[in-house]
Amino acid sequence: EIAFVFYNLDGNGYDNAVAVNPFLNQPETFTQLARMMTRMWSSFIVDQTPNNNGVTALKWPEYTTEDPKNIVFDVNVTEQAYLEPDTYRGEAIAYLHSKYFE
């Protein structure tokens, strides 16, 4: 994820015994995904929403306990991302949300 978020297309720091450049010999969708992720992170830092800064693909929804969804980044789908229901530890997340965010 780090190489994508920081748009590290050259793979700096990855050519060693334990890691390889995640973009090496990969299709253009890897670069497209990196561009989208970089824009979303930058937009979140500047505007407190990941949906600005030239983001034209899928919009990252605000997380709610009423309709919990995660965004999944995937180079193998047309938009490089999709939404899925967040069913992981739903009861625990609802508890934390009720104690700290309401």
N, C-alpha and C. Protein backbone atom coordinates (compact mmCIF):
# COMPACT_ATOMS: atom_id res chain seq x y z
N GLU A 1 0.82 -1.19 0.00
CA GLU A 1 0.00 0.00 0.00
C GLU A 1 0.86 1.26 0.00
N ILE A 2 1.98 1.25 0.69
CA ILE A 2 2.82 2.45 0.82
C ILE A 2 3.30 2.94 -0.54
N ALA A 3 3.73 2.04 -1.40
CA ALA A 3 4.20 2.45 -2.73
C ALA A 3 3.09 3.13 -3.52
N PHE A 4 1.86 2.66 -3.36
CA PHE A 4 0.73 3.25 -4.06
C PHE A 4 0.37 4.62 -3.49
N VAL A 5 0.29 4.71 -2.18
CA VAL A 5 -0.10 5.96 -1.52
C VAL A 5 0.88 7.08 -1.83
N PHE A 6 2.18 6.76 -1.85
CA PHE A 6 3.20 7.78 -2.09
C PHE A 6 3.62 7.85 -3.56
N TYR A 7 2.88 7.19 -4.44
CA TYR A 7 3.12 7.23 -5.88
C TYR A 7 4.58 6.91 -6.20
N ASN A 8 5.09 5.89 -5.55
CA ASN A 8 6.48 5.47 -5.70
C ASN A 8 6.60 4.51 -6.88
N LEU A 9 6.36 5.01 -8.08
CA LEU A 9 6.35 4.17 -9.28
C LEU A 9 7.71 3.58 -9.59
N ASP A 10 8.79 4.23 -9.14
CA ASP A 10 10.13 3.71 -9.38
C ASP A 10 10.51 2.60 -8.41
N GLY A 11 9.72 2.41 -7.38
CA GLY A 11 9.99 1.35 -6.41
C GLY A 11 11.19 1.63 -5.54
N ASN A 12 11.48 2.90 -5.29
CA ASN A 12 12.62 3.24 -4.43
C ASN A 12 12.48 2.55 -3.08
N GLY A 13 13.54 1.88 -2.65
CA GLY A 13 13.54 1.18 -1.38
C GLY A 13 13.03 -0.25 -1.45
N TYR A 14 12.57 -0.68 -2.62
CA TYR A 14 12.01 -2.03 -2.75
C TYR A 14 12.97 -3.04 -3.36
N ASP A 15 14.02 -2.61 -4.01
CA ASP A 15 14.93 -3.55 -4.66
C ASP A 15 15.96 -4.06 -3.66
N ASN A 16 15.55 -5.06 -2.88
CA ASN A 16 16.44 -5.67 -1.91
C ASN A 16 16.07 -7.13 -1.74
N ALA A 17 16.67 -7.79 -0.78
CA ALA A 17 16.47 -9.24 -0.61
C ALA A 17 15.06 -9.62 -0.18
N VAL A 18 14.31 -8.70 0.39
CA VAL A 18 12.98 -9.05 0.91
C VAL A 18 11.82 -8.37 0.19
N ALA A 19 12.10 -7.49 -0.75
CA ALA A 19 11.01 -6.78 -1.43
C ALA A 19 11.41 -6.44 -2.86
N VAL A 20 10.42 -6.41 -3.72
CA VAL A 20 10.64 -6.00 -5.11
C VAL A 20 9.68 -4.85 -5.43
N ASN A 21 10.03 -4.10 -6.43
CA ASN A 21 9.20 -2.98 -6.88
C ASN A 21 7.80 -3.51 -7.23
N PRO A 22 6.76 -3.07 -6.54
CA PRO A 22 5.41 -3.57 -6.81
C PRO A 22 4.87 -3.14 -8.18
N PHE A 23 5.53 -2.20 -8.84
CA PHE A 23 5.08 -1.74 -10.16
C PHE A 23 5.86 -2.38 -11.30
N LEU A 24 6.91 -3.13 -10.98
CA LEU A 24 7.78 -3.72 -12.00
C LEU A 24 7.00 -4.72 -12.85
N ASN A 25 6.99 -4.48 -14.15
CA ASN A 25 6.33 -5.36 -15.13
C ASN A 25 4.83 -5.55 -14.86
N GLN A 26 4.21 -4.55 -14.29
CA GLN A 26 2.77 -4.63 -14.01
C GLN A 26 2.00 -3.78 -15.03
N PRO A 27 0.72 -4.06 -15.22
CA PRO A 27 -0.08 -3.29 -16.18
C PRO A 27 -0.33 -1.86 -15.71
N GLU A 28 -0.83 -1.06 -16.62
CA GLU A 28 -1.12 0.36 -16.37
C GLU A 28 -2.10 0.55 -15.22
N THR A 29 -2.92 -0.45 -14.94
CA THR A 29 -3.89 -0.31 -13.85
C THR A 29 -3.19 -0.09 -12.51
N PHE A 30 -1.97 -0.57 -12.34
CA PHE A 30 -1.23 -0.33 -11.10
C PHE A 30 -0.93 1.16 -10.95
N THR A 31 -0.50 1.79 -12.04
CA THR A 31 -0.22 3.22 -12.01
C THR A 31 -1.51 4.01 -11.79
N GLN A 32 -2.58 3.61 -12.44
CA GLN A 32 -3.87 4.28 -12.26
C GLN A 32 -4.34 4.19 -10.81
N LEU A 33 -4.17 3.02 -10.20
CA LEU A 33 -4.57 2.85 -8.81
C LEU A 33 -3.71 3.72 -7.90
N ALA A 34 -2.41 3.77 -8.15
CA ALA A 34 -1.52 4.61 -7.35
C ALA A 34 -1.93 6.08 -7.45
N ARG A 35 -2.27 6.52 -8.65
CA ARG A 35 -2.71 7.91 -8.84
C ARG A 35 -3.97 8.19 -8.03
N MET A 36 -4.94 7.28 -8.09
CA MET A 36 -6.18 7.47 -7.35
C MET A 36 -5.93 7.48 -5.84
N MET A 37 -5.13 6.55 -5.35
CA MET A 37 -4.86 6.48 -3.91
C MET A 37 -4.12 7.73 -3.43
N THR A 38 -3.14 8.19 -4.20
CA THR A 38 -2.41 9.40 -3.85
C THR A 38 -3.35 10.59 -3.78
N ARG A 39 -4.22 10.70 -4.77
CA ARG A 39 -5.18 11.81 -4.78
C ARG A 39 -6.14 11.74 -3.59
N MET A 40 -6.61 10.54 -3.28
CA MET A 40 -7.54 10.40 -2.16
C MET A 40 -6.87 10.75 -0.83
N TRP A 41 -5.67 10.28 -0.61
CA TRP A 41 -4.97 10.60 0.64
C TRP A 41 -4.68 12.09 0.72
N SER A 42 -4.21 12.68 -0.38
CA SER A 42 -3.93 14.12 -0.40
C SER A 42 -5.19 14.93 -0.14
N SER A 43 -6.27 14.53 -0.77
CA SER A 43 -7.54 15.21 -0.58
C SER A 43 -8.00 15.12 0.87
N PHE A 44 -7.82 13.96 1.49
CA PHE A 44 -8.22 13.81 2.88
C PHE A 44 -7.40 14.72 3.79
N ILE A 45 -6.12 14.82 3.52
CA ILE A 45 -5.25 15.68 4.33
C ILE A 45 -5.65 17.15 4.20
N VAL A 46 -5.90 17.59 2.98
CA VAL A 46 -6.18 19.01 2.73
C VAL A 46 -7.64 19.37 3.01
N ASP A 47 -8.57 18.55 2.57
CA ASP A 47 -9.99 18.89 2.61
C ASP A 47 -10.82 18.08 3.61
N GLN A 48 -10.20 17.16 4.32
CA GLN A 48 -10.89 16.27 5.25
C GLN A 48 -11.92 15.37 4.56
N THR A 49 -11.78 15.18 3.28
CA THR A 49 -12.57 14.22 2.52
C THR A 49 -11.67 13.64 1.43
N PRO A 50 -11.72 12.34 1.20
CA PRO A 50 -10.88 11.75 0.16
C PRO A 50 -11.46 11.90 -1.24
N ASN A 51 -12.56 12.60 -1.38
CA ASN A 51 -13.28 12.63 -2.65
C ASN A 51 -13.05 13.88 -3.50
N ASN A 52 -12.06 14.68 -3.17
CA ASN A 52 -11.72 15.86 -3.97
C ASN A 52 -10.40 15.61 -4.69
N ASN A 53 -9.74 16.68 -5.14
CA ASN A 53 -8.40 16.60 -5.74
C ASN A 53 -8.38 15.73 -7.00
N GLY A 54 -9.38 15.88 -7.84
CA GLY A 54 -9.39 15.16 -9.11
C GLY A 54 -9.83 13.72 -9.01
N VAL A 55 -10.41 13.33 -7.90
CA VAL A 55 -10.91 11.96 -7.76
C VAL A 55 -12.21 11.86 -8.53
N THR A 56 -12.21 11.07 -9.58
CA THR A 56 -13.40 10.94 -10.41
C THR A 56 -14.00 9.55 -10.33
N ALA A 57 -13.29 8.63 -9.71
CA ALA A 57 -13.79 7.26 -9.60
C ALA A 57 -14.78 7.15 -8.45
N LEU A 58 -14.92 5.99 -7.97
CA LEU A 58 -15.81 5.70 -6.85
C LEU A 58 -15.56 6.65 -5.69
N LYS A 59 -16.62 7.14 -5.09
CA LYS A 59 -16.50 8.04 -3.94
C LYS A 59 -16.40 7.21 -2.66
N TRP A 60 -15.49 7.62 -1.80
CA TRP A 60 -15.27 6.94 -0.52
C TRP A 60 -16.31 7.46 0.46
N PRO A 61 -17.26 6.62 0.90
CA PRO A 61 -18.33 7.12 1.77
C PRO A 61 -17.85 7.33 3.20
N GLU A 62 -18.53 8.22 3.89
CA GLU A 62 -18.26 8.40 5.32
C GLU A 62 -18.73 7.15 6.05
N TYR A 63 -17.93 6.68 6.98
CA TYR A 63 -18.26 5.46 7.71
C TYR A 63 -19.37 5.72 8.72
N THR A 64 -20.37 4.87 8.71
CA THR A 64 -21.44 4.95 9.71
C THR A 64 -21.72 3.55 10.23
N THR A 65 -22.21 3.47 11.45
CA THR A 65 -22.58 2.17 12.00
C THR A 65 -23.93 1.70 11.46
N GLU A 66 -24.73 2.61 10.91
CA GLU A 66 -26.01 2.23 10.33
C GLU A 66 -25.83 1.52 8.99
N ASP A 67 -24.82 1.92 8.23
CA ASP A 67 -24.54 1.32 6.92
C ASP A 67 -23.03 1.23 6.74
N PRO A 68 -22.36 0.36 7.51
CA PRO A 68 -20.90 0.31 7.49
C PRO A 68 -20.37 -0.27 6.17
N LYS A 69 -19.48 0.49 5.54
CA LYS A 69 -18.88 0.06 4.28
C LYS A 69 -17.40 0.38 4.29
N ASN A 70 -16.64 -0.49 3.65
CA ASN A 70 -15.21 -0.27 3.43
C ASN A 70 -14.98 -0.05 1.95
N ILE A 71 -13.94 0.68 1.64
CA ILE A 71 -13.52 0.78 0.26
C ILE A 71 -12.38 -0.21 0.09
N VAL A 72 -12.43 -0.96 -1.00
CA VAL A 72 -11.40 -1.95 -1.31
C VAL A 72 -10.73 -1.51 -2.61
N PHE A 73 -9.43 -1.32 -2.55
CA PHE A 73 -8.66 -0.97 -3.74
C PHE A 73 -8.22 -2.26 -4.42
N ASP A 74 -8.44 -2.35 -5.73
CA ASP A 74 -8.16 -3.60 -6.44
C ASP A 74 -7.84 -3.28 -7.90
N VAL A 75 -6.64 -3.63 -8.33
CA VAL A 75 -6.25 -3.35 -9.71
C VAL A 75 -6.98 -4.23 -10.71
N ASN A 76 -7.69 -5.23 -10.24
CA ASN A 76 -8.36 -6.18 -11.13
C ASN A 76 -9.82 -5.85 -11.41
N VAL A 77 -10.29 -4.70 -10.96
CA VAL A 77 -11.65 -4.27 -11.28
C VAL A 77 -11.60 -2.98 -12.08
N THR A 78 -12.63 -2.70 -12.83
CA THR A 78 -12.63 -1.58 -13.77
C THR A 78 -12.31 -0.25 -13.11
N GLU A 79 -12.93 0.06 -12.00
CA GLU A 79 -12.72 1.35 -11.34
C GLU A 79 -11.55 1.34 -10.36
N GLN A 80 -10.84 0.23 -10.24
CA GLN A 80 -9.73 0.03 -9.30
C GLN A 80 -10.17 0.11 -7.83
N ALA A 81 -11.45 0.16 -7.58
CA ALA A 81 -11.95 0.18 -6.20
C ALA A 81 -13.42 -0.20 -6.20
N TYR A 82 -13.86 -0.72 -5.07
CA TYR A 82 -15.28 -1.02 -4.91
C TYR A 82 -15.61 -0.95 -3.42
N LEU A 83 -16.89 -0.83 -3.13
CA LEU A 83 -17.36 -0.79 -1.74
C LEU A 83 -17.84 -2.18 -1.35
N GLU A 84 -17.59 -2.54 -0.09
CA GLU A 84 -18.11 -3.79 0.43
C GLU A 84 -18.65 -3.56 1.83
N PRO A 85 -19.65 -4.33 2.24
CA PRO A 85 -20.17 -4.19 3.60
C PRO A 85 -19.08 -4.52 4.62
N ASP A 86 -19.01 -3.75 5.66
CA ASP A 86 -18.05 -4.01 6.74
C ASP A 86 -18.74 -4.86 7.79
N THR A 87 -18.51 -6.15 7.72
CA THR A 87 -19.12 -7.08 8.66
C THR A 87 -18.12 -7.61 9.69
N TYR A 88 -16.89 -7.17 9.60
CA TYR A 88 -15.85 -7.64 10.51
C TYR A 88 -16.01 -6.99 11.87
N ARG A 89 -16.24 -7.78 12.88
CA ARG A 89 -16.35 -7.32 14.26
C ARG A 89 -17.38 -6.18 14.40
N GLY A 90 -18.49 -6.33 13.75
CA GLY A 90 -19.52 -5.30 13.76
C GLY A 90 -19.98 -4.90 15.14
N GLU A 91 -20.18 -5.86 16.02
CA GLU A 91 -20.64 -5.56 17.37
C GLU A 91 -19.60 -4.76 18.15
N ALA A 92 -18.34 -5.13 18.03
CA ALA A 92 -17.27 -4.42 18.73
C ALA A 92 -17.10 -3.00 18.20
N ILE A 93 -17.18 -2.84 16.89
CA ILE A 93 -17.05 -1.51 16.29
C ILE A 93 -18.22 -0.63 16.71
N ALA A 94 -19.42 -1.18 16.72
CA ALA A 94 -20.59 -0.41 17.16
C ALA A 94 -20.43 0.03 18.61
N TYR A 95 -19.88 -0.84 19.45
CA TYR A 95 -19.66 -0.49 20.86
C TYR A 95 -18.67 0.67 20.98
N LEU A 96 -17.54 0.56 20.30
CA LEU A 96 -16.54 1.64 20.34
C LEU A 96 -17.13 2.95 19.82
N HIS A 97 -17.86 2.85 18.74
CA HIS A 97 -18.47 4.04 18.15
C HIS A 97 -19.44 4.69 19.14
N SER A 98 -20.23 3.89 19.83
CA SER A 98 -21.19 4.46 20.78
C SER A 98 -20.51 5.10 21.99
N LYS A 99 -19.36 4.61 22.37
CA LYS A 99 -18.65 5.13 23.53
C LYS A 99 -17.81 6.37 23.22
N TYR A 100 -17.27 6.45 22.00
CA TYR A 100 -16.28 7.49 21.71
C TYR A 100 -16.67 8.48 20.63
N PHE A 101 -17.68 8.17 19.84
CA PHE A 101 -17.99 9.05 18.71
C PHE A 101 -19.39 9.61 18.73
N GLU A 102 -20.16 9.35 19.75
CA GLU A 102 -21.52 9.90 19.78
C GLU A 102 -21.70 10.79 20.98
